[in-house]
Every structure is written in structure tokens, then in C-alpha cells.
Amino acid sequence: MKTQGSAVWHGGIKDGQGAISTHSGALKDYPYGFASRFEGKPGSNPEELIGAAHAACFTMALSLMLSEAGVTADSMETTAEVTLDKDGDGFAITASHLTLKAAIPGLDDAKFQDLAAKAKAGCPVSKLLKAEVTLEATLA
């Protein structure tokens, strides 16, 4: 399977503006720029998008693990906090911390933690990130 995301940019690094789009149309010309990336202004940034992708990928991987174990979650909510740090003359993504809150009837915490760890290890986005990937999982 292959899919696409795209970006356009106009102007310099600080005064310029960009827009991101996805092949599916889920994002269409969504704004991003220096201010949204480094100054907390409205708009998106690459790290936010990687976080959303990581959270979605991990949650789907866990759903697969749960299915194989014969259980189904009532709900799962995952957040991925992506860390961008100064790295020499540039920047690097140094970590992605997954926080999961789940309601899964019929599953004990030990099995839940085991399946969550396997999902983290098997998630293609976790594999892609060269950063440290950590997980905090809470079973409701």
C-alpha cells in the first residue's frame, strides 16, 4: 500500500506560509508555518501530524492484538506526545510518548500491559521513528 501527503510553501522560513494536504482529503490546504511550529500560533506542524499518525497506528495495532486475544475494547483513547529538540545546528524528533486509556471488559491488567507493549513494538509508525518510544497504558 502507498499513500500520499503533500505540502506547499511560499516565502522565507519565518515569514513564509505553507499548506498541507492528504491524498484522502482529510486535510486540504491546512495551514502550517514557523509560528505554528515554534511559537504556538494557530495551524499545524509536522510533529503534531506525526503524533496523530503514531496514536492512530498504535491504537489500530492494539485493536488487532485484542482481537487475536478474543476481546474487544469498549473504548481506547491514545495520545502521542512528540518531542522536538535542538540537535546541533538543527532539530530532531527525540521521543514519542504514547498515553493510552482503555476500557476493555474481560481483560486483566497484566495481559493488557503485555498486549499494549506488543502493539507498540509492532506499530509501523513506532518502527519508523528512530526516537525513543515510550508507553503509559491505563486500563479503566
C-alpha atoms as a PDB file:
ATOM      1  CA  MET A   1       0.000   0.000   0.000  1.00  0.00           C
ATOM      2  CA  LYS A   2       1.178   3.503  -0.782  1.00  0.00           C
ATOM      3  CA  THR A   3      -0.464   6.809   0.045  1.00  0.00           C
ATOM      4  CA  GLN A   4       0.492  10.458  -0.078  1.00  0.00           C
ATOM      5  CA  GLY A   5       0.709  13.622   1.895  1.00  0.00           C
ATOM      6  CA  SER A   6       1.834  16.874   0.334  1.00  0.00           C
ATOM      7  CA  ALA A   7       2.998  20.326   1.332  1.00  0.00           C
ATOM      8  CA  VAL A   8       3.430  23.661  -0.407  1.00  0.00           C
ATOM      9  CA  TRP A   9       5.445  26.604   0.893  1.00  0.00           C
ATOM     10  CA  HIS A  10       5.702  30.257  -0.095  1.00  0.00           C
ATOM     11  CA  GLY A  11       8.225  32.741   1.302  1.00  0.00           C
ATOM     12  CA  GLY A  12      11.065  32.618   3.782  1.00  0.00           C
ATOM     13  CA  ILE A  13      11.325  30.439   6.858  1.00  0.00           C
ATOM     14  CA  LYS A  14       9.904  32.948   9.368  1.00  0.00           C
ATOM     15  CA  ASP A  15       7.581  34.999   7.187  1.00  0.00           C
ATOM     16  CA  GLY A  16       6.544  32.205   4.848  1.00  0.00           C
ATOM     17  CA  GLN A  17       3.385  30.155   4.894  1.00  0.00           C
ATOM     18  CA  GLY A  18       2.649  26.605   3.933  1.00  0.00           C
ATOM     19  CA  ALA A  19      -0.283  24.292   3.485  1.00  0.00           C
ATOM     20  CA  ILE A  20      -0.512  20.545   3.919  1.00  0.00           C
ATOM     21  CA  SER A  21      -2.895  18.136   2.251  1.00  0.00           C
ATOM     22  CA  THR A  22      -3.564  14.414   2.321  1.00  0.00           C
ATOM     23  CA  HIS A  23      -4.458  12.197  -0.585  1.00  0.00           C
ATOM     24  CA  SER A  24      -7.730  11.215   1.123  1.00  0.00           C
ATOM     25  CA  GLY A  25      -8.776  14.841   1.503  1.00  0.00           C
ATOM     26  CA  ALA A  26      -8.893  14.589   5.315  1.00  0.00           C
ATOM     27  CA  LEU A  27      -6.577  17.604   5.247  1.00  0.00           C
ATOM     28  CA  LYS A  28      -6.891  20.022   2.374  1.00  0.00           C
ATOM     29  CA  ASP A  29      -4.590  23.040   2.226  1.00  0.00           C
ATOM     30  CA  TYR A  30      -4.341  23.133   6.038  1.00  0.00           C
ATOM     31  CA  PRO A  31      -2.005  25.961   7.133  1.00  0.00           C
ATOM     32  CA  TYR A  32       1.354  25.460   8.785  1.00  0.00           C
ATOM     33  CA  GLY A  33       4.396  27.637   9.285  1.00  0.00           C
ATOM     34  CA  PHE A  34       7.180  28.738  11.581  1.00  0.00           C
ATOM     35  CA  ALA A  35       4.769  30.374  14.036  1.00  0.00           C
ATOM     36  CA  SER A  36       2.565  27.266  14.366  1.00  0.00           C
ATOM     37  CA  ARG A  37       5.602  25.045  14.746  1.00  0.00           C
ATOM     38  CA  PHE A  38       7.751  27.048  17.134  1.00  0.00           C
ATOM     39  CA  GLU A  39       5.589  29.796  18.631  1.00  0.00           C
ATOM     40  CA  GLY A  40       2.318  28.067  19.481  1.00  0.00           C
ATOM     41  CA  LYS A  41       0.283  30.017  16.920  1.00  0.00           C
ATOM     42  CA  PRO A  42      -2.741  28.526  15.096  1.00  0.00           C
ATOM     43  CA  GLY A  43      -2.033  25.999  12.378  1.00  0.00           C
ATOM     44  CA  SER A  44      -0.443  22.593  12.283  1.00  0.00           C
ATOM     45  CA  ASN A  45       3.133  21.323  12.242  1.00  0.00           C
ATOM     46  CA  PRO A  46       4.910  18.116  11.241  1.00  0.00           C
ATOM     47  CA  GLU A  47       5.333  16.900  14.830  1.00  0.00           C
ATOM     48  CA  GLU A  48       1.597  17.207  15.517  1.00  0.00           C
ATOM     49  CA  LEU A  49       0.859  15.168  12.405  1.00  0.00           C
ATOM     50  CA  ILE A  50       3.415  12.516  13.378  1.00  0.00           C
ATOM     51  CA  GLY A  51       1.783  12.381  16.814  1.00  0.00           C
ATOM     52  CA  ALA A  52      -1.659  11.830  15.319  1.00  0.00           C
ATOM     53  CA  ALA A  53      -0.283   9.169  12.966  1.00  0.00           C
ATOM     54  CA  HIS A  54       1.553   7.418  15.812  1.00  0.00           C
ATOM     55  CA  ALA A  55      -1.504   7.431  18.095  1.00  0.00           C
ATOM     56  CA  ALA A  56      -3.741   6.093  15.315  1.00  0.00           C
ATOM     57  CA  CYS A  57      -1.271   3.409  14.237  1.00  0.00           C
ATOM     58  CA  PHE A  58      -0.659   2.172  17.780  1.00  0.00           C
ATOM     59  CA  THR A  59      -4.375   2.081  18.600  1.00  0.00           C
ATOM     60  CA  MET A  60      -5.130   0.057  15.480  1.00  0.00           C
ATOM     61  CA  ALA A  61      -2.246  -2.322  16.264  1.00  0.00           C
ATOM     62  CA  LEU A  62      -3.624  -2.816  19.772  1.00  0.00           C
ATOM     63  CA  SER A  63      -7.099  -3.448  18.372  1.00  0.00           C
ATOM     64  CA  LEU A  64      -5.575  -6.248  16.276  1.00  0.00           C
ATOM     65  CA  MET A  65      -3.806  -7.723  19.318  1.00  0.00           C
ATOM     66  CA  LEU A  66      -7.013  -7.591  21.330  1.00  0.00           C
ATOM     67  CA  SER A  67      -8.959  -9.254  18.519  1.00  0.00           C
ATOM     68  CA  GLU A  68      -6.394 -12.057  18.343  1.00  0.00           C
ATOM     69  CA  ALA A  69      -6.777 -12.471  22.130  1.00  0.00           C
ATOM     70  CA  GLY A  70     -10.553 -12.770  21.718  1.00  0.00           C
ATOM     71  CA  VAL A  71     -11.528  -9.481  23.348  1.00  0.00           C
ATOM     72  CA  THR A  72     -12.859  -6.156  22.080  1.00  0.00           C
ATOM     73  CA  ALA A  73     -12.323  -2.741  23.642  1.00  0.00           C
ATOM     74  CA  ASP A  74     -15.319  -0.652  24.586  1.00  0.00           C
ATOM     75  CA  SER A  75     -13.081   2.365  24.080  1.00  0.00           C
ATOM     76  CA  MET A  76      -9.438   3.303  23.611  1.00  0.00           C
ATOM     77  CA  GLU A  77      -8.017   6.817  23.620  1.00  0.00           C
ATOM     78  CA  THR A  78      -4.371   7.312  22.731  1.00  0.00           C
ATOM     79  CA  THR A  79      -2.315  10.488  22.764  1.00  0.00           C
ATOM     80  CA  ALA A  80       1.204  10.678  21.319  1.00  0.00           C
ATOM     81  CA  GLU A  81       3.355  13.492  22.671  1.00  0.00           C
ATOM     82  CA  VAL A  82       6.145  14.100  20.161  1.00  0.00           C
ATOM     83  CA  THR A  83       9.290  15.881  21.364  1.00  0.00           C
ATOM     84  CA  LEU A  84      11.283  18.121  19.027  1.00  0.00           C
ATOM     85  CA  ASP A  85      14.675  19.109  20.477  1.00  0.00           C
ATOM     86  CA  LYS A  86      17.589  21.200  19.279  1.00  0.00           C
ATOM     87  CA  ASP A  87      20.165  18.918  17.655  1.00  0.00           C
ATOM     88  CA  GLY A  88      23.408  20.636  16.689  1.00  0.00           C
ATOM     89  CA  ASP A  89      22.556  23.265  14.084  1.00  0.00           C
ATOM     90  CA  GLY A  90      19.079  21.866  13.532  1.00  0.00           C
ATOM     91  CA  PHE A  91      16.339  19.926  15.267  1.00  0.00           C
ATOM     92  CA  ALA A  92      15.455  16.265  15.788  1.00  0.00           C
ATOM     93  CA  ILE A  93      12.440  14.332  16.970  1.00  0.00           C
ATOM     94  CA  THR A  94      13.842  12.702  20.082  1.00  0.00           C
ATOM     95  CA  ALA A  95      10.810  10.957  21.575  1.00  0.00           C
ATOM     96  CA  SER A  96       7.200   9.967  21.176  1.00  0.00           C
ATOM     97  CA  HIS A  97       5.344   9.176  24.396  1.00  0.00           C
ATOM     98  CA  LEU A  98       2.111   7.233  23.985  1.00  0.00           C
ATOM     99  CA  THR A  99      -0.559   7.587  26.653  1.00  0.00           C
ATOM    100  CA  LEU A 100      -3.439   5.137  26.395  1.00  0.00           C
ATOM    101  CA  LYS A 101      -6.654   4.974  28.390  1.00  0.00           C
ATOM    102  CA  ALA A 102      -8.796   1.957  27.585  1.00  0.00           C
ATOM    103  CA  ALA A 103     -11.960   0.214  28.729  1.00  0.00           C
ATOM    104  CA  ILE A 104     -11.705  -3.462  27.838  1.00  0.00           C
ATOM    105  CA  PRO A 105     -14.133  -5.823  29.547  1.00  0.00           C
ATOM    106  CA  GLY A 106     -12.787  -9.250  30.471  1.00  0.00           C
ATOM    107  CA  LEU A 107      -9.088  -8.363  30.279  1.00  0.00           C
ATOM    108  CA  ASP A 108      -6.784  -8.275  33.302  1.00  0.00           C
ATOM    109  CA  ASP A 109      -4.098  -5.621  33.660  1.00  0.00           C
ATOM    110  CA  ALA A 110      -1.139  -7.993  33.139  1.00  0.00           C
ATOM    111  CA  LYS A 111      -2.492  -9.228  29.789  1.00  0.00           C
ATOM    112  CA  PHE A 112      -3.435  -5.658  28.845  1.00  0.00           C
ATOM    113  CA  GLN A 113       0.101  -4.399  29.509  1.00  0.00           C
ATOM    114  CA  ASP A 114       1.572  -7.301  27.517  1.00  0.00           C
ATOM    115  CA  LEU A 115      -0.681  -6.675  24.509  1.00  0.00           C
ATOM    116  CA  ALA A 116      -0.071  -2.907  24.652  1.00  0.00           C
ATOM    117  CA  ALA A 117       3.703  -3.456  24.657  1.00  0.00           C
ATOM    118  CA  LYS A 118       3.422  -5.811  21.674  1.00  0.00           C
ATOM    119  CA  ALA A 119       1.258  -3.286  19.831  1.00  0.00           C
ATOM    120  CA  LYS A 120       3.812  -0.533  20.479  1.00  0.00           C
ATOM    121  CA  ALA A 121       6.620  -2.732  19.149  1.00  0.00           C
ATOM    122  CA  GLY A 122       4.604  -3.847  16.108  1.00  0.00           C
ATOM    123  CA  CYS A 123       3.166  -0.462  15.123  1.00  0.00           C
ATOM    124  CA  PRO A 124       4.726   0.594  11.792  1.00  0.00           C
ATOM    125  CA  VAL A 125       4.990   4.234  12.925  1.00  0.00           C
ATOM    126  CA  SER A 126       6.817   3.150  16.113  1.00  0.00           C
ATOM    127  CA  LYS A 127       9.220   1.242  13.876  1.00  0.00           C
ATOM    128  CA  LEU A 128       9.695   4.280  11.635  1.00  0.00           C
ATOM    129  CA  LEU A 129      10.615   6.614  14.465  1.00  0.00           C
ATOM    130  CA  LYS A 130      14.272   6.426  15.413  1.00  0.00           C
ATOM    131  CA  ALA A 131      13.298   8.296  18.580  1.00  0.00           C
ATOM    132  CA  GLU A 132      12.591   6.762  21.957  1.00  0.00           C
ATOM    133  CA  VAL A 133       9.019   5.455  22.038  1.00  0.00           C
ATOM    134  CA  THR A 134       7.503   5.054  25.494  1.00  0.00           C
ATOM    135  CA  LEU A 135       4.080   3.871  26.575  1.00  0.00           C
ATOM    136  CA  GLU A 136       1.876   4.563  29.578  1.00  0.00           C
ATOM    137  CA  ALA A 137      -1.227   2.369  29.492  1.00  0.00           C
ATOM    138  CA  THR A 138      -4.147   2.570  31.903  1.00  0.00           C
ATOM    139  CA  LEU A 139      -6.971   0.046  31.964  1.00  0.00           C
ATOM    140  CA  ALA A 140     -10.216   1.530  33.238  1.00  0.00           C
END
